[in-house]
Structure formats: C-alpha cells, structure tokens
C-alpha cells in the first residue's frame, strides 16, 4: 500500500493548473497530438473518476495509461480481460501458508494507482462486476474483509467498438461507474509521421519521470470540491438531465449519479484551466464524454456499432434545446 499524508494538511505547493500542465507535458511526450484527450484524462484523475476509452487497436490507449502512471510516479498494473478471467484474478486470493499455518492474502492487480482494464468487454459479467466496488468506493471485499485500494486510484478501461464476436457488452451499472468515455482517434498526418519516425528506438514512456507528488494530487482532488458553480448552471444541469429522461431517443435517461458526475467533472475541468468557478462552456465541453454512455437508446441500433454515434447525436440534440445561462 502507498501511504500519504492527508490532503487537508498538505496544500499543493503549485497551483492546480501548473500541476496539470506538468502532467500534460509529461504525458504528451509519449501521446502525441492528443492534448484534449490528456486534459480529459487529468480531469478524471483530479475528480477521482475512471475512464473508458473506446477505440480501435493501435491508437495509443495503453500508452496513455502507462504514461499517466509514470508521470505521477505511481504503480501501474495491466489486466488483460478474457472470457476465462475470474474475479480472484483481479482482486486477489487467500493462499494457505505452510510456514505460518494460516491463510495469507495475495493482492491482485487491482491494488495499483493506475489499473488498465484492457478489452474489458471480453470477460463475463461476473468478472466485470468485480470492479464495481473498487471503482465506486475505492475498496474491495475479499473473504469478508474490506481492503482499501491505493490512493490515488484510477481505472482506465478499453474496448474495441468494432469487434463484437466473443464480447459481453457492459451493463448500465458498470458504464455508470465511468466518469468519462473517450475516443483517441487517429493522429494528425504530421504527428503520425513523426511517431513512425521516432518509434524505431526506445519506448518513450520509459523516459517519463514523475513530475508531481501524491500529496499534490490528493490536495488538488480536494480543491475540486471548492470550485464555485453558479445556481443558474446547476439549474441548467438539472434541465438537461431531465430532458434526457423525456427525450424520445432514449429508453433510459441520465441517472442522478450521472448528474453529479457531470457537475463535478465541470468543477475539475475549470480548476485545470486555472479558474475557481465553472463556466457554461465547461459543462458543454464535458456533456458528451460524461453523459453519452449513461443513456440507453430506444433505437434498434443500440447494440450495434451505431449506438455510440446515435447516443452522442441525441445528447447534442438535447443540448441544442436547452438555453445556456449567460
């Protein structure tokens, strides 16, 4: 376990926006041309959220998670999700020790600061559910014992939006545990050319050194709660969330947890921009990443490759219907 001092007693010695800038610059050494994705990842980190990256293979999903772990100086564990993976393969297992004559707990890969859940939709719902308590409460229960996880703790899960053979779609309860759903996308042509030219040598992630401390990260996480939000913006959040529950495109609208996460993500996004107050643009920038994976489409395409595009388009339609406070 990593033990750190309380964030209440360790104020950051750098402004939150400078901490974010250092992390963004470090991660960008390995993940080129994706400043928007990196900023959203840092928003999740500072809001104590988790990230689902849905994209095709080879665009840098694993590199993104590894680079973050290196930049914060934290432990990193990768879990390759397969159909035969068991909950104990994630959480750990108690093994009888001949020396002590008792069972000893061997922690699983969930006990890390940054956990990469690679191809999370390739394992069974039973194994997927092993992550629910960890992601929701920062702890796991094994053999009737509740064990705290590392702090900070972030799950970066990936899934391929194209392949569906041998996959188990994530249920609504699991999707709702992710603060953000992101896509990496292909790099710009000039960035891709540089990437190809430079990748003949060493792994760029290995060159990343820690640029912040755990106490700094934990202090910024506490600072997020202090970012001010005008009551008119809270009314806007409730109006948008309420409209998703009435909109004909959705069989299921955004949950109360989704509303809370959108509100909190906007606070974190504003803080990383150097502000102590939320702007309407913060909420609009985060609406798709925070809300689109929390709704269930009424369309028959909900389970095929068009589901993500349709849900995002419907969220945009809801936003267009709601006047933005000025």
C-alpha atoms as a PDB file:
ATOM      1  CA  UNK A   1       0.000   0.000   0.000  1.00  0.00           C
ATOM      2  CA  UNK A   2       1.052   3.619  -0.612  1.00  0.00           C
ATOM      3  CA  UNK A   3       0.613   5.802   2.482  1.00  0.00           C
ATOM      4  CA  UNK A   4       0.408   9.561   2.056  1.00  0.00           C
ATOM      5  CA  UNK A   5      -0.335  12.452   4.369  1.00  0.00           C
ATOM      6  CA  UNK A   6      -3.860  13.808   4.497  1.00  0.00           C
ATOM      7  CA  UNK A   7      -4.656  16.236   1.670  1.00  0.00           C
ATOM      8  CA  UNK A   8      -6.129  18.555   4.331  1.00  0.00           C
ATOM      9  CA  UNK A   9      -2.624  19.033   5.817  1.00  0.00           C
ATOM     10  CA  UNK A  10      -0.665  19.080   2.557  1.00  0.00           C
ATOM     11  CA  UNK A  11      -1.789  22.012   0.379  1.00  0.00           C
ATOM     12  CA  UNK A  12      -0.289  21.948  -3.105  1.00  0.00           C
ATOM     13  CA  UNK A  13       2.918  23.941  -3.417  1.00  0.00           C
ATOM     14  CA  UNK A  14       1.997  24.589  -7.032  1.00  0.00           C
ATOM     15  CA  UNK A  15      -1.289  25.924  -8.452  1.00  0.00           C
ATOM     16  CA  UNK A  16      -3.594  23.168  -9.763  1.00  0.00           C
ATOM     17  CA  UNK A  17      -3.256  24.452 -13.318  1.00  0.00           C
ATOM     18  CA  UNK A  18       0.543  24.170 -13.088  1.00  0.00           C
ATOM     19  CA  UNK A  19       0.300  20.642 -11.707  1.00  0.00           C
ATOM     20  CA  UNK A  20      -1.988  19.798 -14.620  1.00  0.00           C
ATOM     21  CA  UNK A  21       0.398  21.476 -17.061  1.00  0.00           C
ATOM     22  CA  UNK A  22       3.343  19.448 -15.811  1.00  0.00           C
ATOM     23  CA  UNK A  23       1.396  16.209 -16.131  1.00  0.00           C
ATOM     24  CA  UNK A  24       0.068  17.136 -19.557  1.00  0.00           C
ATOM     25  CA  UNK A  25       3.552  17.957 -20.859  1.00  0.00           C
ATOM     26  CA  UNK A  26       4.981  14.704 -19.481  1.00  0.00           C
ATOM     27  CA  UNK A  27       2.220  12.517 -20.952  1.00  0.00           C
ATOM     28  CA  UNK A  28       2.429  14.358 -24.290  1.00  0.00           C
ATOM     29  CA  UNK A  29       5.992  13.102 -24.679  1.00  0.00           C
ATOM     30  CA  UNK A  30       4.514   9.654 -25.341  1.00  0.00           C
ATOM     31  CA  UNK A  31       0.992  10.501 -26.550  1.00  0.00           C
ATOM     32  CA  UNK A  32       1.424  12.998 -29.391  1.00  0.00           C
ATOM     33  CA  UNK A  33      -1.190  15.417 -30.644  1.00  0.00           C
ATOM     34  CA  UNK A  34      -3.881  14.448 -28.131  1.00  0.00           C
ATOM     35  CA  UNK A  35      -3.945  17.375 -25.714  1.00  0.00           C
ATOM     36  CA  UNK A  36      -7.747  17.264 -25.485  1.00  0.00           C
ATOM     37  CA  UNK A  37      -7.706  13.570 -24.526  1.00  0.00           C
ATOM     38  CA  UNK A  38      -4.926  14.125 -21.974  1.00  0.00           C
ATOM     39  CA  UNK A  39      -6.803  17.015 -20.385  1.00  0.00           C
ATOM     40  CA  UNK A  40      -9.932  14.894 -20.035  1.00  0.00           C
ATOM     41  CA  UNK A  41      -7.874  12.077 -18.512  1.00  0.00           C
ATOM     42  CA  UNK A  42      -6.457  14.512 -15.950  1.00  0.00           C
ATOM     43  CA  UNK A  43      -9.972  15.774 -15.246  1.00  0.00           C
ATOM     44  CA  UNK A  44     -10.933  12.212 -14.320  1.00  0.00           C
ATOM     45  CA  UNK A  45      -7.836  11.819 -12.138  1.00  0.00           C
ATOM     46  CA  UNK A  46      -8.497  15.006 -10.180  1.00  0.00           C
ATOM     47  CA  UNK A  47     -12.234  14.219  -9.860  1.00  0.00           C
ATOM     48  CA  UNK A  48     -11.487  10.703  -8.540  1.00  0.00           C
ATOM     49  CA  UNK A  49     -13.228   9.280 -11.599  1.00  0.00           C
ATOM     50  CA  UNK A  50     -12.481   6.497 -14.057  1.00  0.00           C
ATOM     51  CA  UNK A  51     -12.187   6.441 -17.841  1.00  0.00           C
ATOM     52  CA  UNK A  52     -13.491   4.151 -20.573  1.00  0.00           C
ATOM     53  CA  UNK A  53     -11.510   4.509 -23.806  1.00  0.00           C
ATOM     54  CA  UNK A  54     -13.450   3.097 -26.741  1.00  0.00           C
ATOM     55  CA  UNK A  55     -11.417   2.950 -29.922  1.00  0.00           C
ATOM     56  CA  UNK A  56      -9.758   0.695 -32.463  1.00  0.00           C
ATOM     57  CA  UNK A  57      -6.489  -1.095 -31.621  1.00  0.00           C
ATOM     58  CA  UNK A  58      -3.162   0.665 -32.036  1.00  0.00           C
ATOM     59  CA  UNK A  59      -4.094   4.295 -31.383  1.00  0.00           C
ATOM     60  CA  UNK A  60      -2.360   4.634 -28.003  1.00  0.00           C
ATOM     61  CA  UNK A  61      -4.859   3.578 -25.339  1.00  0.00           C
ATOM     62  CA  UNK A  62      -2.343   1.523 -23.354  1.00  0.00           C
ATOM     63  CA  UNK A  63       0.365   4.155 -23.835  1.00  0.00           C
ATOM     64  CA  UNK A  64      -1.963   6.790 -22.382  1.00  0.00           C
ATOM     65  CA  UNK A  65      -2.476   4.818 -19.163  1.00  0.00           C
ATOM     66  CA  UNK A  66       1.196   3.885 -18.792  1.00  0.00           C
ATOM     67  CA  UNK A  67       2.318   7.469 -19.385  1.00  0.00           C
ATOM     68  CA  UNK A  68      -0.031   8.757 -16.678  1.00  0.00           C
ATOM     69  CA  UNK A  69       1.283   6.222 -14.169  1.00  0.00           C
ATOM     70  CA  UNK A  70       4.874   7.232 -14.916  1.00  0.00           C
ATOM     71  CA  UNK A  71       4.110  10.961 -14.692  1.00  0.00           C
ATOM     72  CA  UNK A  72       2.536  10.644 -11.237  1.00  0.00           C
ATOM     73  CA  UNK A  73       5.186   8.214 -10.012  1.00  0.00           C
ATOM     74  CA  UNK A  74       2.557   5.595  -9.267  1.00  0.00           C
ATOM     75  CA  UNK A  75       2.230   1.861  -9.669  1.00  0.00           C
ATOM     76  CA  UNK A  76       0.725   0.509 -12.893  1.00  0.00           C
ATOM     77  CA  UNK A  77      -0.916  -2.849 -13.500  1.00  0.00           C
ATOM     78  CA  UNK A  78      -2.448  -4.160 -16.691  1.00  0.00           C
ATOM     79  CA  UNK A  79      -5.260  -6.720 -16.655  1.00  0.00           C
ATOM     80  CA  UNK A  80      -5.936  -8.441 -19.966  1.00  0.00           C
ATOM     81  CA  UNK A  81      -9.623  -9.299 -19.841  1.00  0.00           C
ATOM     82  CA  UNK A  82     -10.524 -12.656 -21.404  1.00  0.00           C
ATOM     83  CA  UNK A  83     -13.515 -14.990 -21.238  1.00  0.00           C
ATOM     84  CA  UNK A  84     -11.843 -17.239 -18.638  1.00  0.00           C
ATOM     85  CA  UNK A  85     -10.735 -14.430 -16.293  1.00  0.00           C
ATOM     86  CA  UNK A  86     -12.064 -14.850 -12.739  1.00  0.00           C
ATOM     87  CA  UNK A  87     -12.823 -12.182 -10.098  1.00  0.00           C
ATOM     88  CA  UNK A  88      -9.956 -13.556  -7.994  1.00  0.00           C
ATOM     89  CA  UNK A  89      -7.589 -12.843 -10.889  1.00  0.00           C
ATOM     90  CA  UNK A  90      -8.424  -9.163 -10.370  1.00  0.00           C
ATOM     91  CA  UNK A  91      -8.952  -8.848  -6.631  1.00  0.00           C
ATOM     92  CA  UNK A  92      -6.510 -11.423  -5.309  1.00  0.00           C
ATOM     93  CA  UNK A  93      -6.806 -14.695  -3.428  1.00  0.00           C
ATOM     94  CA  UNK A  94      -6.063 -16.142   0.010  1.00  0.00           C
ATOM     95  CA  UNK A  95      -3.414 -18.865  -0.078  1.00  0.00           C
ATOM     96  CA  UNK A  96      -2.583 -21.265   2.752  1.00  0.00           C
ATOM     97  CA  UNK A  97       0.937 -20.747   4.059  1.00  0.00           C
ATOM     98  CA  UNK A  98       2.717 -23.823   5.391  1.00  0.00           C
ATOM     99  CA  UNK A  99       5.129 -21.597   7.308  1.00  0.00           C
ATOM    100  CA  UNK A 100       2.522 -19.666   9.275  1.00  0.00           C
ATOM    101  CA  UNK A 101      -0.177 -22.323   9.277  1.00  0.00           C
ATOM    102  CA  UNK A 102      -2.769 -19.782   8.152  1.00  0.00           C
ATOM    103  CA  UNK A 103      -4.193 -18.241   5.012  1.00  0.00           C
ATOM    104  CA  UNK A 104      -2.398 -15.218   3.602  1.00  0.00           C
ATOM    105  CA  UNK A 105      -3.976 -12.783   1.162  1.00  0.00           C
ATOM    106  CA  UNK A 106      -2.131 -12.296  -2.122  1.00  0.00           C
ATOM    107  CA  UNK A 107      -3.353  -8.987  -3.590  1.00  0.00           C
ATOM    108  CA  UNK A 108      -4.394  -8.920  -7.228  1.00  0.00           C
ATOM    109  CA  UNK A 109      -3.581  -6.302  -9.872  1.00  0.00           C
ATOM    110  CA  UNK A 110      -6.426  -4.044  -8.722  1.00  0.00           C
ATOM    111  CA  UNK A 111      -4.053  -2.858  -5.973  1.00  0.00           C
ATOM    112  CA  UNK A 112      -2.278  -0.210  -8.034  1.00  0.00           C
ATOM    113  CA  UNK A 113      -2.567   3.522  -8.630  1.00  0.00           C
ATOM    114  CA  UNK A 114      -3.371   3.187 -12.344  1.00  0.00           C
ATOM    115  CA  UNK A 115      -5.096  -0.005 -13.473  1.00  0.00           C
ATOM    116  CA  UNK A 116      -5.517  -0.718 -17.178  1.00  0.00           C
ATOM    117  CA  UNK A 117      -8.554  -2.950 -17.762  1.00  0.00           C
ATOM    118  CA  UNK A 118      -7.709  -3.931 -21.319  1.00  0.00           C
ATOM    119  CA  UNK A 119     -10.618  -5.076 -23.516  1.00  0.00           C
ATOM    120  CA  UNK A 120     -12.952  -5.062 -20.539  1.00  0.00           C
ATOM    121  CA  UNK A 121     -15.900  -6.282 -22.604  1.00  0.00           C
ATOM    122  CA  UNK A 122     -14.189  -9.605 -23.381  1.00  0.00           C
ATOM    123  CA  UNK A 123     -14.819 -11.032 -19.931  1.00  0.00           C
ATOM    124  CA  UNK A 124     -18.035 -12.299 -18.364  1.00  0.00           C
ATOM    125  CA  UNK A 125     -20.469 -10.095 -16.422  1.00  0.00           C
ATOM    126  CA  UNK A 126     -19.467 -11.913 -13.224  1.00  0.00           C
ATOM    127  CA  UNK A 127     -15.866 -10.820 -13.633  1.00  0.00           C
ATOM    128  CA  UNK A 128     -16.816  -7.335 -14.820  1.00  0.00           C
ATOM    129  CA  UNK A 129     -18.793  -6.896 -11.597  1.00  0.00           C
ATOM    130  CA  UNK A 130     -15.615  -7.421  -9.560  1.00  0.00           C
ATOM    131  CA  UNK A 131     -14.706  -3.851 -10.492  1.00  0.00           C
ATOM    132  CA  UNK A 132     -17.929  -2.238  -9.246  1.00  0.00           C
ATOM    133  CA  UNK A 133     -16.968  -1.851  -5.584  1.00  0.00           C
ATOM    134  CA  UNK A 134     -13.402  -0.880  -6.456  1.00  0.00           C
ATOM    135  CA  UNK A 135     -14.476   1.856  -8.858  1.00  0.00           C
ATOM    136  CA  UNK A 136     -17.360   3.106  -6.772  1.00  0.00           C
ATOM    137  CA  UNK A 137     -15.867   3.055  -3.276  1.00  0.00           C
ATOM    138  CA  UNK A 138     -12.089   2.691  -3.627  1.00  0.00           C
ATOM    139  CA  UNK A 139     -12.090  -0.627  -1.784  1.00  0.00           C
ATOM    140  CA  UNK A 140     -12.658  -4.339  -2.336  1.00  0.00           C
ATOM    141  CA  UNK A 141     -14.181  -7.046  -0.174  1.00  0.00           C
ATOM    142  CA  UNK A 142     -12.382 -10.390  -0.139  1.00  0.00           C
ATOM    143  CA  UNK A 143     -13.127 -13.239   2.282  1.00  0.00           C
ATOM    144  CA  UNK A 144     -15.420 -10.964   4.315  1.00  0.00           C
ATOM    145  CA  UNK A 145     -12.605  -8.414   4.715  1.00  0.00           C
ATOM    146  CA  UNK A 146     -12.799  -4.885   3.308  1.00  0.00           C
ATOM    147  CA  UNK A 147      -9.464  -3.720   1.951  1.00  0.00           C
ATOM    148  CA  UNK A 148      -8.703  -0.135   0.858  1.00  0.00           C
ATOM    149  CA  UNK A 149      -7.133   0.439  -2.531  1.00  0.00           C
ATOM    150  CA  UNK A 150      -4.250   2.735  -3.418  1.00  0.00           C
ATOM    151  CA  UNK A 151      -4.817   6.481  -3.312  1.00  0.00           C
ATOM    152  CA  UNK A 152      -4.851   7.996  -5.874  1.00  0.00           C
ATOM    153  CA  UNK A 153      -6.649   5.227  -7.783  1.00  0.00           C
ATOM    154  CA  UNK A 154      -7.741   5.324 -11.415  1.00  0.00           C
ATOM    155  CA  UNK A 155      -9.130   2.653 -13.733  1.00  0.00           C
ATOM    156  CA  UNK A 156      -8.569   3.144 -17.457  1.00  0.00           C
ATOM    157  CA  UNK A 157     -10.652   0.557 -19.303  1.00  0.00           C
ATOM    158  CA  UNK A 158     -10.528  -0.075 -23.044  1.00  0.00           C
ATOM    159  CA  UNK A 159     -12.819  -1.717 -25.509  1.00  0.00           C
ATOM    160  CA  UNK A 160     -12.916  -2.111 -29.278  1.00  0.00           C
ATOM    161  CA  UNK A 161     -16.082  -0.579 -30.803  1.00  0.00           C
ATOM    162  CA  UNK A 162     -15.835  -2.682 -33.969  1.00  0.00           C
ATOM    163  CA  UNK A 163     -15.447  -6.309 -32.889  1.00  0.00           C
ATOM    164  CA  UNK A 164     -18.446  -7.928 -31.217  1.00  0.00           C
ATOM    165  CA  UNK A 165     -17.690 -11.647 -31.514  1.00  0.00           C
ATOM    166  CA  UNK A 166     -16.878 -13.063 -28.103  1.00  0.00           C
ATOM    167  CA  UNK A 167     -17.698  -9.876 -26.198  1.00  0.00           C
ATOM    168  CA  UNK A 168     -20.032  -9.112 -23.301  1.00  0.00           C
ATOM    169  CA  UNK A 169     -21.480  -5.584 -23.519  1.00  0.00           C
ATOM    170  CA  UNK A 170     -21.020  -3.634 -20.314  1.00  0.00           C
ATOM    171  CA  UNK A 171     -24.296  -3.323 -18.344  1.00  0.00           C
ATOM    172  CA  UNK A 172     -25.661   0.078 -17.415  1.00  0.00           C
ATOM    173  CA  UNK A 173     -24.466  -0.282 -13.808  1.00  0.00           C
ATOM    174  CA  UNK A 174     -20.879  -0.778 -14.992  1.00  0.00           C
ATOM    175  CA  UNK A 175     -20.955   2.024 -17.570  1.00  0.00           C
ATOM    176  CA  UNK A 176     -22.323   4.385 -14.946  1.00  0.00           C
ATOM    177  CA  UNK A 177     -19.133   3.888 -12.874  1.00  0.00           C
ATOM    178  CA  UNK A 178     -17.037   5.583 -15.569  1.00  0.00           C
ATOM    179  CA  UNK A 179     -16.811   9.333 -15.240  1.00  0.00           C
ATOM    180  CA  UNK A 180     -15.815   9.726 -18.897  1.00  0.00           C
ATOM    181  CA  UNK A 181     -15.950   7.777 -22.138  1.00  0.00           C
ATOM    182  CA  UNK A 182     -13.265   8.897 -24.575  1.00  0.00           C
ATOM    183  CA  UNK A 183     -12.038   8.100 -28.043  1.00  0.00           C
ATOM    184  CA  UNK A 184      -8.407   8.551 -29.075  1.00  0.00           C
ATOM    185  CA  UNK A 185      -8.820   8.804 -32.824  1.00  0.00           C
ATOM    186  CA  UNK A 186      -6.023   8.601 -35.352  1.00  0.00           C
ATOM    187  CA  UNK A 187      -3.237  11.166 -35.027  1.00  0.00           C
ATOM    188  CA  UNK A 188      -2.918  14.037 -37.484  1.00  0.00           C
ATOM    189  CA  UNK A 189      -0.806  13.081 -40.531  1.00  0.00           C
ATOM    190  CA  UNK A 190       2.230  15.129 -39.466  1.00  0.00           C
ATOM    191  CA  UNK A 191       2.103  13.758 -35.918  1.00  0.00           C
ATOM    192  CA  UNK A 192       1.722  10.212 -37.220  1.00  0.00           C
ATOM    193  CA  UNK A 193       4.758  10.677 -39.476  1.00  0.00           C
ATOM    194  CA  UNK A 194       6.846  11.871 -36.513  1.00  0.00           C
ATOM    195  CA  UNK A 195       5.518   8.993 -34.436  1.00  0.00           C
ATOM    196  CA  UNK A 196       6.545   6.413 -37.045  1.00  0.00           C
ATOM    197  CA  UNK A 197       9.969   8.007 -37.488  1.00  0.00           C
ATOM    198  CA  UNK A 198      10.721   8.151 -33.765  1.00  0.00           C
ATOM    199  CA  UNK A 199       9.388   4.783 -32.680  1.00  0.00           C
ATOM    200  CA  UNK A 200      12.335   2.881 -34.090  1.00  0.00           C
ATOM    201  CA  UNK A 201      14.169   3.310 -30.804  1.00  0.00           C
ATOM    202  CA  UNK A 202      13.278   3.140 -27.128  1.00  0.00           C
ATOM    203  CA  UNK A 203       9.800   3.169 -25.630  1.00  0.00           C
ATOM    204  CA  UNK A 204       9.037   6.886 -24.948  1.00  0.00           C
ATOM    205  CA  UNK A 205       7.024   6.010 -21.847  1.00  0.00           C
ATOM    206  CA  UNK A 206      10.166   4.750 -20.103  1.00  0.00           C
ATOM    207  CA  UNK A 207      11.724   8.199 -20.449  1.00  0.00           C
ATOM    208  CA  UNK A 208       8.933   9.873 -18.475  1.00  0.00           C
ATOM    209  CA  UNK A 209       9.908  10.872 -14.952  1.00  0.00           C
ATOM    210  CA  UNK A 210       7.472  11.728 -12.122  1.00  0.00           C
ATOM    211  CA  UNK A 211       6.601  15.420 -12.216  1.00  0.00           C
ATOM    212  CA  UNK A 212       4.225  15.702  -9.241  1.00  0.00           C
ATOM    213  CA  UNK A 213       3.824  14.082  -5.833  1.00  0.00           C
ATOM    214  CA  UNK A 214       0.915  12.095  -4.416  1.00  0.00           C
ATOM    215  CA  UNK A 215       0.186  14.782  -1.767  1.00  0.00           C
ATOM    216  CA  UNK A 216      -0.100  17.358  -4.560  1.00  0.00           C
ATOM    217  CA  UNK A 217      -2.573  15.190  -6.469  1.00  0.00           C
ATOM    218  CA  UNK A 218      -4.671  14.473  -3.390  1.00  0.00           C
ATOM    219  CA  UNK A 219      -4.709  18.155  -2.468  1.00  0.00           C
ATOM    220  CA  UNK A 220      -5.964  19.102  -5.938  1.00  0.00           C
ATOM    221  CA  UNK A 221      -8.675  16.441  -5.652  1.00  0.00           C
ATOM    222  CA  UNK A 222      -9.903  18.153  -2.506  1.00  0.00           C
ATOM    223  CA  UNK A 223      -9.653  21.565  -4.163  1.00  0.00           C
ATOM    224  CA  UNK A 224     -12.101  20.441  -6.876  1.00  0.00           C
ATOM    225  CA  UNK A 225     -14.919  20.484  -4.303  1.00  0.00           C
ATOM    226  CA  UNK A 226     -14.269  24.180  -3.660  1.00  0.00           C
ATOM    227  CA  UNK A 227     -14.753  25.324  -7.260  1.00  0.00           C
ATOM    228  CA  UNK A 228     -17.815  27.565  -7.365  1.00  0.00           C
ATOM    229  CA  UNK A 229     -20.813  26.873  -9.586  1.00  0.00           C
ATOM    230  CA  UNK A 230     -23.495  29.488 -10.114  1.00  0.00           C
ATOM    231  CA  UNK A 231     -27.024  28.293  -9.171  1.00  0.00           C
ATOM    232  CA  UNK A 232     -28.128  29.065 -12.729  1.00  0.00           C
ATOM    233  CA  UNK A 233     -25.632  26.484 -14.020  1.00  0.00           C
ATOM    234  CA  UNK A 234     -26.965  23.905 -11.579  1.00  0.00           C
ATOM    235  CA  UNK A 235     -30.444  24.631 -12.946  1.00  0.00           C
ATOM    236  CA  UNK A 236     -29.028  24.064 -16.432  1.00  0.00           C
ATOM    237  CA  UNK A 237     -27.566  20.697 -15.382  1.00  0.00           C
ATOM    238  CA  UNK A 238     -30.921  19.585 -13.979  1.00  0.00           C
ATOM    239  CA  UNK A 239     -32.791  20.789 -17.077  1.00  0.00           C
ATOM    240  CA  UNK A 240     -30.520  18.826 -19.428  1.00  0.00           C
ATOM    241  CA  UNK A 241     -30.635  15.691 -17.292  1.00  0.00           C
ATOM    242  CA  UNK A 242     -34.417  15.929 -17.020  1.00  0.00           C
ATOM    243  CA  UNK A 243     -34.761  16.331 -20.776  1.00  0.00           C
ATOM    244  CA  UNK A 244     -32.786  13.111 -21.392  1.00  0.00           C
ATOM    245  CA  UNK A 245     -35.469  11.279 -19.405  1.00  0.00           C
ATOM    246  CA  UNK A 246     -38.198  12.682 -21.645  1.00  0.00           C
ATOM    247  CA  UNK A 247     -36.403  12.617 -24.988  1.00  0.00           C
ATOM    248  CA  UNK A 248     -37.830  10.105 -27.438  1.00  0.00           C
ATOM    249  CA  UNK A 249     -34.396   8.838 -28.485  1.00  0.00           C
ATOM    250  CA  UNK A 250     -33.736   7.339 -25.052  1.00  0.00           C
ATOM    251  CA  UNK A 251     -35.294   4.390 -23.287  1.00  0.00           C
ATOM    252  CA  UNK A 252     -33.348   5.388 -20.181  1.00  0.00           C
ATOM    253  CA  UNK A 253     -32.043   8.869 -19.407  1.00  0.00           C
ATOM    254  CA  UNK A 254     -29.162  10.109 -17.288  1.00  0.00           C
ATOM    255  CA  UNK A 255     -29.184   8.872 -13.676  1.00  0.00           C
ATOM    256  CA  UNK A 256     -28.738  11.082 -10.582  1.00  0.00           C
ATOM    257  CA  UNK A 257     -25.160   9.738 -10.379  1.00  0.00           C
ATOM    258  CA  UNK A 258     -24.654  10.963 -13.934  1.00  0.00           C
ATOM    259  CA  UNK A 259     -25.857  14.449 -12.987  1.00  0.00           C
ATOM    260  CA  UNK A 260     -23.483  14.535 -10.017  1.00  0.00           C
ATOM    261  CA  UNK A 261     -20.571  13.350 -12.151  1.00  0.00           C
ATOM    262  CA  UNK A 262     -21.235  15.947 -14.854  1.00  0.00           C
ATOM    263  CA  UNK A 263     -21.367  18.706 -12.234  1.00  0.00           C
ATOM    264  CA  UNK A 264     -18.165  17.501 -10.563  1.00  0.00           C
ATOM    265  CA  UNK A 265     -16.321  16.981 -13.855  1.00  0.00           C
ATOM    266  CA  UNK A 266     -17.056  20.607 -14.785  1.00  0.00           C
ATOM    267  CA  UNK A 267     -15.527  21.705 -11.476  1.00  0.00           C
ATOM    268  CA  UNK A 268     -12.371  19.714 -12.207  1.00  0.00           C
ATOM    269  CA  UNK A 269     -12.195  20.937 -15.786  1.00  0.00           C
ATOM    270  CA  UNK A 270     -12.468  24.559 -14.626  1.00  0.00           C
ATOM    271  CA  UNK A 271      -9.761  24.062 -11.993  1.00  0.00           C
ATOM    272  CA  UNK A 272      -7.339  22.649 -14.540  1.00  0.00           C
ATOM    273  CA  UNK A 273      -7.976  25.755 -16.638  1.00  0.00           C
ATOM    274  CA  UNK A 274      -6.864  27.971 -13.777  1.00  0.00           C
ATOM    275  CA  UNK A 275     -10.333  29.048 -12.668  1.00  0.00           C
ATOM    276  CA  UNK A 276     -12.169  28.645  -9.362  1.00  0.00           C
ATOM    277  CA  UNK A 277     -15.581  28.909 -10.985  1.00  0.00           C
ATOM    278  CA  UNK A 278     -17.436  26.884 -13.619  1.00  0.00           C
ATOM    279  CA  UNK A 279     -18.392  28.374 -16.979  1.00  0.00           C
ATOM    280  CA  UNK A 280     -21.188  27.162 -19.266  1.00  0.00           C
ATOM    281  CA  UNK A 281     -18.505  26.115 -21.757  1.00  0.00           C
ATOM    282  CA  UNK A 282     -17.090  23.671 -19.187  1.00  0.00           C
ATOM    283  CA  UNK A 283     -20.402  21.850 -18.983  1.00  0.00           C
ATOM    284  CA  UNK A 284     -20.880  21.849 -22.753  1.00  0.00           C
ATOM    285  CA  UNK A 285     -17.355  20.515 -23.361  1.00  0.00           C
ATOM    286  CA  UNK A 286     -17.981  17.602 -20.985  1.00  0.00           C
ATOM    287  CA  UNK A 287     -21.571  16.740 -21.888  1.00  0.00           C
ATOM    288  CA  UNK A 288     -20.715  14.087 -24.490  1.00  0.00           C
ATOM    289  CA  UNK A 289     -17.833  12.396 -22.595  1.00  0.00           C
ATOM    290  CA  UNK A 290     -19.800  12.303 -19.323  1.00  0.00           C
ATOM    291  CA  UNK A 291     -23.399  11.703 -20.420  1.00  0.00           C
ATOM    292  CA  UNK A 292     -23.491   9.811 -23.720  1.00  0.00           C
ATOM    293  CA  UNK A 293     -22.514   6.415 -22.272  1.00  0.00           C
ATOM    294  CA  UNK A 294     -25.030   6.713 -19.416  1.00  0.00           C
ATOM    295  CA  UNK A 295     -28.149   6.711 -21.575  1.00  0.00           C
ATOM    296  CA  UNK A 296     -29.910   3.739 -23.175  1.00  0.00           C
ATOM    297  CA  UNK A 297     -31.157   4.236 -26.698  1.00  0.00           C
ATOM    298  CA  UNK A 298     -34.685   3.397 -27.709  1.00  0.00           C
ATOM    299  CA  UNK A 299     -33.321   2.731 -31.214  1.00  0.00           C
ATOM    300  CA  UNK A 300     -32.818  -0.839 -32.508  1.00  0.00           C
ATOM    301  CA  UNK A 301     -29.203   0.192 -33.228  1.00  0.00           C
ATOM    302  CA  UNK A 302     -28.465   0.425 -29.500  1.00  0.00           C
ATOM    303  CA  UNK A 303     -26.464  -2.809 -29.534  1.00  0.00           C
ATOM    304  CA  UNK A 304     -24.548  -2.356 -32.793  1.00  0.00           C
ATOM    305  CA  UNK A 305     -21.724  -0.158 -33.972  1.00  0.00           C
ATOM    306  CA  UNK A 306     -24.017   2.849 -34.479  1.00  0.00           C
ATOM    307  CA  UNK A 307     -25.009   3.037 -30.823  1.00  0.00           C
ATOM    308  CA  UNK A 308     -22.298   5.435 -29.721  1.00  0.00           C
ATOM    309  CA  UNK A 309     -22.842   7.827 -32.623  1.00  0.00           C
ATOM    310  CA  UNK A 310     -26.613   7.869 -32.063  1.00  0.00           C
ATOM    311  CA  UNK A 311     -26.371   8.482 -28.335  1.00  0.00           C
ATOM    312  CA  UNK A 312     -23.904  11.323 -28.858  1.00  0.00           C
ATOM    313  CA  UNK A 313     -26.106  12.881 -31.539  1.00  0.00           C
ATOM    314  CA  UNK A 314     -29.139  12.665 -29.245  1.00  0.00           C
ATOM    315  CA  UNK A 315     -27.239  14.322 -26.388  1.00  0.00           C
ATOM    316  CA  UNK A 316     -26.272  17.137 -28.754  1.00  0.00           C
ATOM    317  CA  UNK A 317     -29.927  17.499 -29.689  1.00  0.00           C
ATOM    318  CA  UNK A 318     -30.857  17.821 -26.017  1.00  0.00           C
ATOM    319  CA  UNK A 319     -28.165  20.482 -25.516  1.00  0.00           C
ATOM    320  CA  UNK A 320     -29.460  22.418 -28.524  1.00  0.00           C
ATOM    321  CA  UNK A 321     -32.922  22.507 -26.946  1.00  0.00           C
ATOM    322  CA  UNK A 322     -31.722  23.903 -23.616  1.00  0.00           C
ATOM    323  CA  UNK A 323     -30.892  27.620 -23.345  1.00  0.00           C
ATOM    324  CA  UNK A 324     -27.451  28.173 -21.809  1.00  0.00           C
ATOM    325  CA  UNK A 325     -27.246  30.567 -18.856  1.00  0.00           C
ATOM    326  CA  UNK A 326     -25.291  33.744 -19.589  1.00  0.00           C
END
